[in-house]
Amino acid sequence: MTARDLRTHVREFRQAAMDGNASEARKHASMAMPFLHKLIDWAN
Protein backbone atom coordinates (compact mmCIF):
# COMPACT_ATOMS: atom_id res chain seq x y z
CA MET A 1 0.00 0.00 0.00
CA THR A 2 1.25 3.46 -0.82
CA ALA A 3 0.62 6.87 0.70
CA ARG A 4 -1.69 7.53 -2.23
CA ASP A 5 -3.77 4.47 -1.28
CA LEU A 6 -3.94 5.70 2.31
CA ARG A 7 -5.14 9.14 1.20
CA THR A 8 -7.73 7.56 -1.08
CA HIS A 9 -9.15 5.40 1.70
CA VAL A 10 -9.19 8.32 4.13
CA ARG A 11 -11.12 10.42 1.59
CA GLU A 12 -13.56 7.58 0.91
CA PHE A 13 -13.92 6.94 4.65
CA ARG A 14 -14.74 10.60 5.25
CA GLN A 15 -17.24 10.75 2.39
CA ALA A 16 -19.01 7.59 3.55
CA ALA A 17 -19.14 8.91 7.12
CA MET A 18 -20.56 12.23 5.95
CA ASP A 19 -23.17 10.35 3.91
CA GLY A 20 -24.13 8.30 6.99
CA ASN A 21 -22.93 5.02 5.48
CA ALA A 22 -21.31 3.40 8.53
CA SER A 23 -20.53 0.05 6.92
CA GLU A 24 -18.70 1.66 3.99
CA ALA A 25 -16.84 4.01 6.33
CA ARG A 26 -15.78 1.07 8.50
CA LYS A 27 -14.56 -0.80 5.41
CA HIS A 28 -12.32 2.06 4.27
CA ALA A 29 -11.03 2.69 7.78
CA SER A 30 -9.99 -0.95 8.10
CA MET A 31 -8.27 -0.84 4.72
CA ALA A 32 -6.26 2.25 5.71
CA MET A 33 -5.22 1.15 9.21
CA PRO A 34 -2.34 -1.25 8.34
CA PHE A 35 -0.51 1.44 6.39
CA LEU A 36 -1.26 4.05 9.01
CA HIS A 37 0.30 1.83 11.70
CA LYS A 38 3.41 1.36 9.55
CA LEU A 39 3.65 5.11 9.07
CA ILE A 40 3.37 5.74 12.82
CA ASP A 41 6.03 3.10 13.54
CA TRP A 42 8.33 4.61 10.93
CA ALA A 43 7.91 8.10 12.39
CA ASN A 44 8.92 7.01 15.90
PDB file of N, CA and C in Angstrom:
ATOM      1  N   MET A   1       0.851  -1.177   0.000  1.00  0.00           N
ATOM      2  CA  MET A   1       0.000   0.000   0.000  1.00  0.00           C
ATOM      3  C   MET A   1       0.894   1.236   0.000  1.00  0.00           C
ATOM      4  N   THR A   2       0.483   2.223  -0.728  1.00  0.00           N
ATOM      5  CA  THR A   2       1.252   3.461  -0.821  1.00  0.00           C
ATOM      6  C   THR A   2       0.544   4.587  -0.072  1.00  0.00           C
ATOM      7  N   ALA A   3       1.232   5.697   0.066  1.00  0.00           N
ATOM      8  CA  ALA A   3       0.620   6.868   0.698  1.00  0.00           C
ATOM      9  C   ALA A   3      -0.599   7.316  -0.096  1.00  0.00           C
ATOM     10  N   ARG A   4      -0.542   7.160  -1.383  1.00  0.00           N
ATOM     11  CA  ARG A   4      -1.685   7.530  -2.227  1.00  0.00           C
ATOM     12  C   ARG A   4      -2.897   6.665  -1.888  1.00  0.00           C
ATOM     13  N   ASP A   5      -2.673   5.365  -1.669  1.00  0.00           N
ATOM     14  CA  ASP A   5      -3.770   4.471  -1.277  1.00  0.00           C
ATOM     15  C   ASP A   5      -4.358   4.895   0.061  1.00  0.00           C
ATOM     16  N   LEU A   6      -3.474   5.250   0.992  1.00  0.00           N
ATOM     17  CA  LEU A   6      -3.939   5.697   2.305  1.00  0.00           C
ATOM     18  C   LEU A   6      -4.820   6.933   2.161  1.00  0.00           C
ATOM     19  N   ARG A   7      -4.353   7.917   1.400  1.00  0.00           N
ATOM     20  CA  ARG A   7      -5.141   9.140   1.199  1.00  0.00           C
ATOM     21  C   ARG A   7      -6.485   8.836   0.554  1.00  0.00           C
ATOM     22  N   THR A   8      -6.487   7.930  -0.412  1.00  0.00           N
ATOM     23  CA  THR A   8      -7.734   7.563  -1.081  1.00  0.00           C
ATOM     24  C   THR A   8      -8.721   6.956  -0.092  1.00  0.00           C
ATOM     25  N   HIS A   9      -8.243   6.034   0.740  1.00  0.00           N
ATOM     26  CA  HIS A   9      -9.145   5.397   1.702  1.00  0.00           C
ATOM     27  C   HIS A   9      -9.618   6.382   2.761  1.00  0.00           C
ATOM     28  N   VAL A  10      -8.774   7.317   3.158  1.00  0.00           N
ATOM     29  CA  VAL A  10      -9.195   8.323   4.131  1.00  0.00           C
ATOM     30  C   VAL A  10     -10.272   9.207   3.514  1.00  0.00           C
ATOM     31  N   ARG A  11     -10.092   9.608   2.270  1.00  0.00           N
ATOM     32  CA  ARG A  11     -11.116  10.417   1.587  1.00  0.00           C
ATOM     33  C   ARG A  11     -12.426   9.655   1.482  1.00  0.00           C
ATOM     34  N   GLU A  12     -12.341   8.384   1.069  1.00  0.00           N
ATOM     35  CA  GLU A  12     -13.558   7.579   0.907  1.00  0.00           C
ATOM     36  C   GLU A  12     -14.215   7.307   2.255  1.00  0.00           C
ATOM     37  N   PHE A  13     -13.388   7.110   3.296  1.00  0.00           N
ATOM     38  CA  PHE A  13     -13.915   6.943   4.648  1.00  0.00           C
ATOM     39  C   PHE A  13     -14.697   8.188   5.056  1.00  0.00           C
ATOM     40  N   ARG A  14     -14.090   9.351   4.860  1.00  0.00           N
ATOM     41  CA  ARG A  14     -14.738  10.602   5.251  1.00  0.00           C
ATOM     42  C   ARG A  14     -16.046  10.810   4.495  1.00  0.00           C
ATOM     43  N   GLN A  15     -16.021  10.559   3.189  1.00  0.00           N
ATOM     44  CA  GLN A  15     -17.235  10.755   2.393  1.00  0.00           C
ATOM     45  C   GLN A  15     -18.344   9.809   2.849  1.00  0.00           C
ATOM     46  N   ALA A  16     -18.008   8.552   3.085  1.00  0.00           N
ATOM     47  CA  ALA A  16     -19.009   7.587   3.550  1.00  0.00           C
ATOM     48  C   ALA A  16     -19.560   8.000   4.911  1.00  0.00           C
ATOM     49  N   ALA A  17     -18.684   8.471   5.801  1.00  0.00           N
ATOM     50  CA  ALA A  17     -19.138   8.912   7.122  1.00  0.00           C
ATOM     51  C   ALA A  17     -20.066  10.117   6.996  1.00  0.00           C
ATOM     52  N   MET A  18     -19.722  11.045   6.137  1.00  0.00           N
ATOM     53  CA  MET A  18     -20.564  12.234   5.950  1.00  0.00           C
ATOM     54  C   MET A  18     -21.920  11.871   5.339  1.00  0.00           C
ATOM     55  N   ASP A  19     -21.929  10.810   4.528  1.00  0.00           N
ATOM     56  CA  ASP A  19     -23.173  10.348   3.914  1.00  0.00           C
ATOM     57  C   ASP A  19     -23.992   9.472   4.854  1.00  0.00           C
ATOM     58  N   GLY A  20     -23.427   9.149   6.028  1.00  0.00           N
ATOM     59  CA  GLY A  20     -24.133   8.302   6.992  1.00  0.00           C
ATOM     60  C   GLY A  20     -24.032   6.821   6.705  1.00  0.00           C
ATOM     61  N   ASN A  21     -23.090   6.418   5.861  1.00  0.00           N
ATOM     62  CA  ASN A  21     -22.925   5.015   5.482  1.00  0.00           C
ATOM     63  C   ASN A  21     -21.842   4.384   6.378  1.00  0.00           C
ATOM     64  N   ALA A  22     -22.266   3.908   7.535  1.00  0.00           N
ATOM     65  CA  ALA A  22     -21.313   3.402   8.527  1.00  0.00           C
ATOM     66  C   ALA A  22     -20.558   2.173   8.041  1.00  0.00           C
ATOM     67  N   SER A  23     -21.209   1.270   7.351  1.00  0.00           N
ATOM     68  CA  SER A  23     -20.526   0.045   6.915  1.00  0.00           C
ATOM     69  C   SER A  23     -19.441   0.351   5.888  1.00  0.00           C
ATOM     70  N   GLU A  24     -19.701   1.270   4.990  1.00  0.00           N
ATOM     71  CA  GLU A  24     -18.696   1.656   3.988  1.00  0.00           C
ATOM     72  C   GLU A  24     -17.549   2.421   4.655  1.00  0.00           C
ATOM     73  N   ALA A  25     -17.870   3.277   5.609  1.00  0.00           N
ATOM     74  CA  ALA A  25     -16.837   4.013   6.334  1.00  0.00           C
ATOM     75  C   ALA A  25     -15.945   3.044   7.098  1.00  0.00           C
ATOM     76  N   ARG A  26     -16.540   2.068   7.746  1.00  0.00           N
ATOM     77  CA  ARG A  26     -15.781   1.066   8.496  1.00  0.00           C
ATOM     78  C   ARG A  26     -14.857   0.274   7.572  1.00  0.00           C
ATOM     79  N   LYS A  27     -15.363  -0.051   6.380  1.00  0.00           N
ATOM     80  CA  LYS A  27     -14.559  -0.799   5.407  1.00  0.00           C
ATOM     81  C   LYS A  27     -13.311  -0.012   5.005  1.00  0.00           C
ATOM     82  N   HIS A  28     -13.464   1.253   4.695  1.00  0.00           N
ATOM     83  CA  HIS A  28     -12.318   2.064   4.270  1.00  0.00           C
ATOM     84  C   HIS A  28     -11.359   2.337   5.424  1.00  0.00           C
ATOM     85  N   ALA A  29     -11.901   2.501   6.615  1.00  0.00           N
ATOM     86  CA  ALA A  29     -11.028   2.694   7.776  1.00  0.00           C
ATOM     87  C   ALA A  29     -10.165   1.451   8.000  1.00  0.00           C
ATOM     88  N   SER A  30     -10.758   0.278   7.884  1.00  0.00           N
ATOM     89  CA  SER A  30      -9.987  -0.950   8.105  1.00  0.00           C
ATOM     90  C   SER A  30      -8.957  -1.172   7.002  1.00  0.00           C
ATOM     91  N   MET A  31      -9.231  -0.703   5.807  1.00  0.00           N
ATOM     92  CA  MET A  31      -8.265  -0.844   4.716  1.00  0.00           C
ATOM     93  C   MET A  31      -7.083   0.114   4.897  1.00  0.00           C
ATOM     94  N   ALA A  32      -7.310   1.253   5.522  1.00  0.00           N
ATOM     95  CA  ALA A  32      -6.258   2.248   5.711  1.00  0.00           C
ATOM     96  C   ALA A  32      -5.387   1.957   6.931  1.00  0.00           C
ATOM     97  N   MET A  33      -5.917   1.302   7.929  1.00  0.00           N
ATOM     98  CA  MET A  33      -5.220   1.145   9.208  1.00  0.00           C
ATOM     99  C   MET A  33      -3.856   0.455   9.122  1.00  0.00           C
ATOM    100  N   PRO A  34      -3.665  -0.624   8.374  1.00  0.00           N
ATOM    101  CA  PRO A  34      -2.339  -1.254   8.343  1.00  0.00           C
ATOM    102  C   PRO A  34      -1.242  -0.293   7.884  1.00  0.00           C
ATOM    103  N   PHE A  35      -1.516   0.494   6.861  1.00  0.00           N
ATOM    104  CA  PHE A  35      -0.510   1.436   6.391  1.00  0.00           C
ATOM    105  C   PHE A  35      -0.304   2.557   7.395  1.00  0.00           C
ATOM    106  N   LEU A  36      -1.366   2.994   8.013  1.00  0.00           N
ATOM    107  CA  LEU A  36      -1.261   4.046   9.014  1.00  0.00           C
ATOM    108  C   LEU A  36      -0.384   3.600  10.184  1.00  0.00           C
ATOM    109  N   HIS A  37      -0.532   2.361  10.614  1.00  0.00           N
ATOM    110  CA  HIS A  37       0.301   1.831  11.697  1.00  0.00           C
ATOM    111  C   HIS A  37       1.767   1.772  11.274  1.00  0.00           C
ATOM    112  N   LYS A  38       2.041   1.379  10.047  1.00  0.00           N
ATOM    113  CA  LYS A  38       3.409   1.359   9.551  1.00  0.00           C
ATOM    114  C   LYS A  38       3.998   2.758   9.524  1.00  0.00           C
ATOM    115  N   LEU A  39       3.199   3.729   9.114  1.00  0.00           N
ATOM    116  CA  LEU A  39       3.650   5.113   9.066  1.00  0.00           C
ATOM    117  C   LEU A  39       3.971   5.628  10.471  1.00  0.00           C
ATOM    118  N   ILE A  40       3.142   5.314  11.434  1.00  0.00           N
ATOM    119  CA  ILE A  40       3.372   5.742  12.817  1.00  0.00           C
ATOM    120  C   ILE A  40       4.650   5.089  13.344  1.00  0.00           C
ATOM    121  N   ASP A  41       4.821   3.795  13.091  1.00  0.00           N
ATOM    122  CA  ASP A  41       6.034   3.101  13.536  1.00  0.00           C
ATOM    123  C   ASP A  41       7.287   3.705  12.904  1.00  0.00           C
ATOM    124  N   TRP A  42       7.210   4.036  11.645  1.00  0.00           N
ATOM    125  CA  TRP A  42       8.330   4.610  10.932  1.00  0.00           C
ATOM    126  C   TRP A  42       8.702   5.975  11.504  1.00  0.00           C
ATOM    127  N   ALA A  43       7.687   6.750  11.902  1.00  0.00           N
ATOM    128  CA  ALA A  43       7.910   8.105  12.394  1.00  0.00           C
ATOM    129  C   ALA A  43       8.525   8.124  13.799  1.00  0.00           C
ATOM    130  N   ASN A  44       8.381   7.030  14.524  1.00  0.00           N
ATOM    131  CA  ASN A  44       8.917   7.007  15.905  1.00  0.00           C
ATOM    132  C   ASN A  44      10.335   6.582  15.945  1.00  0.00           C
TER     133      ASN A  44
END
